[in-house]
């Protein structure tokens, strides 16, 4: 595995995390705005004694080719490339994997039939890294992140050290991204299941941050290296650095009519939730054939940029 440059790996934490228009105070009946207390996260990351990680490696095993406006709101429909990756957090006495990648069949399924690059040799390196890892943990429960420990010839070897949150397991049991990722209760018990409220100390220098949104079981990984450098692995909360850099709310500033400006934040959120539910219900009669369209409805409803 090669070391990833700081710019491509994660968001360096020099500011408090407050996405989704933190300046607005939601009404009592609105969904609470997600926020995080960086001071508390740093405290939790320091709870477990021991030497902190030496470095974070990344391995890209595939690519997704989507236009930039699919990824970043308001951008032009220019060609874009998003990497499919896993991360390896290296300690002095071993490594922990973040996410497990996917096989070629899942890559094609997620790619909706498009001919997108999948590097078999690199995917095999992911398998090797998973088998050598002390443990495996997941940013969220989508197919490109968990298939490597669900549909794998090394299941008996990997499942006991694969750590899923209770919400991630609940999603995989009840509403997986694709039907072939569905776990039974018996299958789920093969994995290690954890649960926590907001933050959890996971390893020396490492805190888990609950961040439901992209999926119900999404979580972020705050990691402090032995050098003191801090990283936040955010899963697919953002697919492009412009998702992090660009300010939201530009339509309102430009005087454009939006659901928020017309209805207010609480009512706009309720309307969006109703539209999502109606779209998914309308697709139910089509069964598995409509899984991708149902996921698209959830994506459009829950995206944050």
Foldseek 3Di string as FASTA:
>chain_A
DDADDPVPFFDFPPDFDFFQPNVDDDDPLFDDGDGDDVVVQQVQLAPADDAFFAGKHKFFFWKAWFAVCVFDPPDDRHIDIFTLMKMWGHHPVFIEIEFQFADPVVVCVLNVNDDTDGHVVSNVVSLVNLLRHQAYEYQAQARRGHNRQQVHPCVLRRQARYEAEPQRLVCLQPPYLAPVSRDDPVRNVSHHYHYDDAWHHDHNQWIWGQDPFLHNGGIWIWGAHSVRGIGIRRDVLHRDCCVVVPDPPVCVVVVHDDCCVVPNNRVSLVVLVVVLVVQLVVCPVVPRVCSNVNSVSSCVSRRRD
